[in-house]
Protein backbone atom coordinates (compact mmCIF):
# COMPACT_ATOMS: atom_id res chain seq x y z
CA MET A 1 0.12 0.03 0.09
CA ASN A 2 1.31 3.57 -0.93
CA ILE A 3 1.16 6.12 1.82
CA GLY A 4 2.59 9.48 0.51
CA LEU A 5 5.69 8.64 -1.34
CA ASN A 6 6.44 5.61 0.54
CA LYS A 7 5.02 1.92 0.01
CA TYR A 8 4.17 -0.28 2.99
CA LYS A 9 3.04 -3.90 3.34
CA LEU A 10 -0.31 -3.71 5.58
CA PRO A 11 -2.78 -6.33 6.73
CA TYR A 12 -5.67 -6.64 4.45
CA ALA A 13 -9.35 -7.30 5.53
CA ASN A 14 -11.09 -9.52 2.68
CA GLU A 15 -14.56 -8.78 4.28
CA LEU A 16 -14.09 -5.03 4.45
CA LYS A 17 -11.79 -4.90 1.19
CA THR A 18 -9.44 -2.46 2.89
CA HIS A 19 -6.20 -2.50 4.55
CA PHE A 20 -5.71 -1.52 8.41
CA LEU A 21 -3.16 -0.40 10.80
CA LEU A 22 -1.79 -2.32 13.86
CA LEU A 23 -1.22 0.38 16.69
CA PRO A 24 0.63 -0.53 19.86
CA LYS A 25 -1.73 -0.19 22.78
CA ASP A 26 0.73 1.97 24.92
CA ILE A 27 0.37 4.77 22.48
CA LEU A 28 -3.27 5.10 22.81
CA GLU A 29 -4.52 7.68 25.47
CA LYS A 30 -6.96 6.44 28.22
CA LEU A 31 -10.02 8.81 28.41
CA PRO A 32 -10.34 10.59 31.55
CA VAL A 33 -12.85 9.50 34.38
CA ALA A 34 -14.67 11.86 36.83
CA ASN A 35 -14.45 10.49 40.41
CA SER A 36 -16.26 13.52 41.80
CA TYR A 37 -18.11 16.80 41.01
CA ASP A 38 -14.80 18.56 41.06
CA ASP A 39 -13.46 16.45 38.23
CA ILE A 40 -16.24 17.10 35.92
CA GLN A 41 -14.72 20.28 34.41
CA GLU A 42 -11.19 18.82 33.58
CA VAL A 43 -12.93 15.71 32.05
CA ILE A 44 -15.05 18.08 29.89
CA ARG A 45 -11.96 20.16 28.89
CA HIS A 46 -9.86 17.09 28.22
CA ASN A 47 -12.56 15.38 26.00
CA LYS A 48 -12.96 18.77 24.11
CA GLN A 49 -9.15 19.09 23.55
CA LEU A 50 -9.23 15.54 22.02
CA ARG A 51 -12.22 15.90 19.90
CA ASP A 52 -10.93 19.21 18.44
CA HIS A 53 -7.61 17.67 17.58
CA PHE A 54 -9.15 14.77 15.88
CA ASN A 55 -11.71 16.85 14.03
CA LYS A 56 -8.54 19.04 12.75
CA ILE A 57 -6.96 15.92 11.50
CA ILE A 58 -10.11 14.66 9.80
CA ARG A 59 -10.71 18.16 8.33
CA LEU A 60 -7.32 18.68 6.93
CA ALA A 61 -7.40 14.99 5.22
CA ALA A 62 -10.75 15.58 3.67
CA LYS A 63 -9.79 18.86 2.34
CA LYS A 64 -6.71 17.59 0.48
CA LYS A 65 -8.88 14.64 -1.02
CA THR A 66 -11.96 16.54 -1.96
CA SER A 67 -9.98 19.69 -3.42
CA ALA A 68 -8.60 17.79 -6.45
CA GLY A 69 -12.03 16.07 -6.94
CA LYS A 70 -13.85 19.42 -6.93
CA LYS A 71 -11.56 20.87 -9.65
CA ASN A 72 -12.15 17.98 -11.78
CA ILE A 73 -15.89 18.05 -11.49
CA LYS A 74 -15.90 21.83 -12.29
CA TYR A 75 -13.68 21.44 -15.10
CA SER A 76 -15.91 18.41 -16.53
CA LEU A 77 -19.24 20.60 -16.02
CA LYS A 78 -17.68 23.69 -17.59
CA LYS A 79 -16.29 21.68 -20.75
CA GLU A 80 -19.97 19.94 -21.04
CA ILE A 81 -21.82 23.35 -20.88
CA ILE A 82 -19.34 25.08 -23.62
CA GLU A 83 -19.66 22.00 -25.92
CA ASN A 84 -23.44 21.81 -25.40
CA PRO A 85 -25.06 25.50 -24.86
CA ASN A 86 -28.60 23.85 -25.12
CA LEU A 87 -27.88 22.16 -21.64
CA ILE A 88 -28.24 25.91 -20.05
CA VAL A 89 -31.54 26.46 -21.97
CA ASP A 90 -32.72 23.19 -20.59
CA LEU A 91 -31.64 23.70 -17.17
CA LEU A 92 -33.28 27.27 -16.87
CA THR A 93 -36.55 26.04 -18.61
CA GLU A 94 -36.78 23.13 -16.16
CA TYR A 95 -36.29 25.43 -13.38
CA LYS A 96 -38.78 27.76 -14.22
CA ASN A 97 -41.48 25.45 -14.72
CA SER A 98 -40.78 23.53 -11.41
CA LYS A 99 -43.50 23.52 -8.83
CA LYS A 100 -41.94 25.28 -5.74
CA GLN A 101 -43.46 24.52 -2.39
CA PRO A 102 -42.12 25.51 1.26
CA TYR A 103 -40.88 22.72 3.24
CA ASP A 104 -43.54 21.47 5.95
CA PHE A 105 -41.75 20.90 9.14
CA GLU A 106 -44.96 20.27 10.87
CA LYS A 107 -46.04 17.31 8.50
CA ASP A 108 -42.70 15.70 7.99
CA MET A 109 -41.72 14.17 11.20
CA ASN A 110 -39.11 11.78 9.92
CA TYR A 111 -36.19 14.28 9.72
CA PHE A 112 -33.48 14.79 12.07
CA PHE A 113 -31.73 17.95 13.12
CA SER A 114 -28.77 18.49 15.66
CA TRP A 115 -29.69 21.92 16.71
CA ALA A 116 -26.99 24.35 16.86
CA ASP A 117 -27.77 28.06 17.65
CA GLU A 118 -27.58 29.02 13.91
CA ALA A 119 -30.05 26.25 12.66
CA GLU A 120 -32.47 26.97 15.53
CA GLU A 121 -32.68 30.65 14.67
CA ILE A 122 -32.92 30.25 10.91
CA PHE A 123 -35.99 27.62 11.32
CA HIS A 124 -37.76 30.13 13.92
CA SER A 125 -36.91 33.13 11.66
CA PHE A 126 -38.85 31.67 8.92
CA LEU A 127 -41.90 30.49 11.09
CA ARG A 128 -42.11 33.56 13.14
CA LYS A 129 -40.30 36.22 11.24
CA LEU A 130 -37.83 36.94 14.11
CA LYS A 131 -34.55 38.67 13.71
CA LEU A 132 -31.76 36.26 12.89
CA THR A 133 -29.44 36.52 15.86
CA LYS A 134 -27.38 34.10 17.98
CA LYS A 135 -28.86 33.41 21.40
CA ASP A 136 -27.73 36.23 23.81
CA PRO A 137 -25.51 34.99 26.81
CA ILE A 138 -28.03 36.57 29.28
CA GLU A 139 -31.00 34.43 27.59
CA ILE A 140 -28.90 31.30 27.92
CA VAL A 141 -27.95 31.68 31.55
CA ARG A 142 -31.49 32.80 32.70
CA PHE A 143 -32.66 29.61 30.81
CA LEU A 144 -30.31 27.37 32.68
CA LEU A 145 -31.26 29.05 36.02
CA ASP A 146 -35.03 28.65 35.26
CA LYS A 147 -34.56 24.90 34.40
CA PHE A 148 -32.47 24.37 37.53
CA LYS A 149 -35.21 26.03 39.64
CA GLU A 150 -37.82 23.90 37.80
CA TYR A 151 -35.82 20.54 38.38
CA THR A 152 -35.29 21.63 42.02
CA GLU A 153 -38.91 22.52 42.99
CA LYS A 154 -40.92 20.14 40.87
CA ASN A 155 -38.51 16.94 39.88
CA GLY A 156 -37.07 16.24 42.95
CA LEU A 157 -33.42 17.55 42.45
CA ASN A 158 -33.50 19.09 45.77
CA LYS A 159 -33.00 15.61 47.31
CA ALA A 160 -29.41 15.63 46.28
CA PHE A 161 -28.65 18.81 48.11
CA PHE A 162 -28.95 17.61 51.77
CA ASN A 163 -26.39 15.83 53.70
CA ASN A 164 -26.94 13.24 56.80
CA GLN A 165 -27.87 16.20 59.17
CA GLY A 166 -30.54 17.51 56.88
CA ASN A 167 -28.35 20.64 55.96
CA ILE A 168 -27.57 21.77 52.61
CA LYS A 169 -23.92 21.92 51.64
CA GLU A 170 -23.66 24.82 49.23
CA GLU A 171 -21.11 23.39 47.10
CA ILE A 172 -23.47 20.52 45.95
CA PRO A 173 -26.10 22.57 44.14
CA GLN A 174 -23.47 24.49 42.88
CA ARG A 175 -21.58 21.65 41.11
CA ILE A 176 -24.91 20.04 39.81
CA PHE A 177 -25.84 23.44 38.36
CA GLN A 178 -22.31 23.51 36.74
CA ALA A 179 -22.74 19.98 35.29
CA LEU A 180 -26.06 20.74 33.92
CA SER A 181 -24.90 24.06 32.47
CA GLN A 182 -21.79 22.57 30.83
CA LEU A 183 -23.90 19.84 29.05
CA TYR A 184 -26.29 22.43 27.56
CA ILE A 185 -23.74 25.17 26.33
CA ASP A 186 -21.27 22.82 24.78
CA ASP A 187 -22.48 23.86 21.35
CA LYS A 188 -23.45 27.25 22.03
CA ASN A 189 -19.97 28.99 21.73
CA LEU A 190 -20.13 29.92 25.54
CA ASP A 191 -17.47 29.26 28.22
CA ILE A 192 -18.27 28.57 31.88
CA SER A 193 -15.73 29.22 34.39
CA PRO A 194 -16.48 28.19 38.06
CA GLU A 195 -15.04 29.77 41.18
CA THR A 196 -13.31 32.52 38.87
CA ASN A 197 -10.95 34.88 41.04
CA LEU A 198 -11.94 38.17 39.82
CA GLY A 199 -9.63 40.23 42.17
CA ALA A 200 -12.23 40.84 44.82
CA GLY A 201 -12.73 37.19 45.64
CA SER A 202 -13.99 34.07 43.61
CA VAL A 203 -17.37 34.43 41.82
CA ASP A 204 -19.31 30.94 41.72
CA PHE A 205 -19.86 31.08 37.99
CA LYS A 206 -18.70 33.29 35.00
CA PHE A 207 -20.36 32.73 31.59
CA SER A 208 -18.53 34.26 28.79
CA ARG A 209 -18.42 34.54 24.76
CA GLY A 210 -15.62 36.88 23.96
CA SER A 211 -16.12 40.22 25.80
CA LYS A 212 -19.68 39.41 26.69
CA LYS A 213 -19.90 38.15 30.37
CA VAL A 214 -22.47 36.83 32.55
CA ILE A 215 -21.75 36.31 36.28
CA VAL A 216 -23.81 33.97 38.69
CA GLU A 217 -23.58 34.01 42.50
CA MET A 218 -25.44 31.10 44.54
CA LYS A 219 -26.29 31.06 48.15
CA THR A 220 -28.20 29.02 50.49
CA SER A 221 -30.55 30.55 53.44
CA MET A 222 -28.56 28.65 55.68
CA ASN A 223 -25.32 30.61 54.83
CA PRO A 224 -24.57 33.33 57.36
CA LYS A 225 -23.49 35.59 54.49
CA TRP A 226 -26.84 35.08 52.59
CA ARG A 227 -27.56 39.00 52.38
CA GLN A 228 -23.84 39.90 52.02
CA GLY A 229 -23.77 37.62 48.95
CA LEU A 230 -25.70 40.31 47.15
CA SER A 231 -25.25 43.64 48.58
CA LEU A 232 -21.40 43.13 48.94
CA GLN A 233 -19.99 40.35 47.03
CA LEU A 234 -21.93 40.10 43.94
CA LYS A 235 -21.73 44.01 43.88
CA SER A 236 -17.93 43.85 44.06
CA TYR A 237 -17.60 41.06 41.39
CA TYR A 238 -19.75 43.28 39.05
CA ASP A 239 -17.60 46.24 39.44
CA THR A 240 -14.43 44.21 38.67
CA GLU A 241 -15.82 42.24 35.84
CA LYS A 242 -18.62 44.59 34.31
CA PRO A 243 -20.77 41.94 32.88
CA LEU A 244 -23.79 42.24 30.72
CA LYS A 245 -25.81 40.80 33.58
CA ALA A 246 -25.52 39.16 37.08
CA PHE A 247 -27.78 36.69 38.60
CA TYR A 248 -28.00 36.10 42.52
CA THR A 249 -29.43 32.52 43.14
CA PHE A 250 -31.00 32.21 46.51
CA LEU A 251 -31.72 28.68 47.44
CA TYR A 252 -33.86 28.75 50.71
CA ILE A 253 -35.59 26.20 53.07
CA GLY A 254 -38.71 26.61 54.83
CA ASN A 255 -40.25 29.98 55.23
CA ALA A 256 -37.85 32.39 53.90
CA SER A 257 -40.22 35.31 53.11
CA ASP A 258 -38.44 37.95 55.39
CA LYS A 259 -35.03 37.16 53.90
CA ILE A 260 -36.33 37.47 50.28
CA LYS A 261 -38.08 40.70 51.07
CA LYS A 262 -34.85 42.12 52.32
CA LEU A 263 -32.87 40.74 49.18
CA ASN A 264 -35.60 42.31 47.03
CA SER A 265 -35.04 45.67 48.89
CA ASP A 266 -31.27 45.42 48.42
CA LEU A 267 -31.80 44.54 44.77
CA ILE A 268 -33.99 47.71 44.18
CA ASN A 269 -31.27 49.98 45.62
CA LEU A 270 -28.39 48.12 43.42
CA ASN A 271 -30.29 48.38 40.30
CA ASN A 272 -31.28 52.09 41.05
CA SER A 273 -27.57 52.76 41.15
CA GLY A 274 -27.00 51.47 37.68
CA TYR A 275 -26.50 47.83 38.29
CA LYS A 276 -28.09 44.91 36.24
CA ILE A 277 -28.78 42.14 38.78
CA GLU A 278 -31.66 39.67 38.72
CA LEU A 279 -32.65 37.51 41.75
CA VAL A 280 -33.61 33.99 41.28
CA ASN A 281 -35.14 32.39 44.34
CA ILE A 282 -35.24 28.75 44.62
CA ASN A 283 -37.42 26.67 47.17
CA ALA A 284 -35.31 23.76 48.16
CA SER A 285 -37.36 22.50 51.12
CA LYS A 286 -38.10 18.98 51.33
CA ARG A 287 -41.40 17.87 50.23
CA LYS A 288 -43.97 15.08 51.09
CA SER A 289 -44.19 12.45 48.34
CA ALA A 290 -47.32 12.67 46.34
CA SER A 291 -48.10 9.21 47.59
CA LEU A 292 -48.20 10.55 51.20
CA LEU A 293 -50.39 13.42 50.54
């Protein structure tokens, strides 16, 4: 078999009618395994790095193989048209007389799309005549927080937050939110950086797309700094990072109406001073099973 300018003798699979390479096992890299919540970010980063490297190799190989073929096809078509001018007339006549119908997405359910932002926006722009723009980072982060709230309050995600003493360890909901967010934004050209030190301390999450940034701080009602988290910490992070928007996520247990009232009061004062901060209240209280009600 010829590979480049060199000739090699390779094993041949009769069933597949192709040669194959035998690689020593020790040059293959083991995929990373996450043994804790803290390992998830590293595993995702490592897998993305491998995937990008592999895709680059495939892309370069495909480009070399198809570029020559494209030239031959174009040359053949050009030659055929020059030698047979009537082909153009026939083609234009056929196109003019063809029946044009818009594609019906509702009736045809046998298609499959892997929705990237661009495809999704194109689809909705035709149906709803919306402006063709990528999803805004603020919109994405708000969607993630709304889903996190829904799963916590209605789908029992809050059960994973509690330790044996019945208390919430703040790190657990933070890591779960991080994992859910990472899965969703993987193809949204949006980066998530947990525990990012902004000079004034570490904000829980920073979402970014180039210079566009959104920050999220998460506190539980059991944290003695539940109010300072908004009025002091998040305010300080905001001044340092200057994001498009900041979200303060407050997970509470039991009756927290007085605390929420104070947070809303602080929020009004901050936003009246020029800040763009949104409060997300999530009820993480344990609930009785529907079968026991």
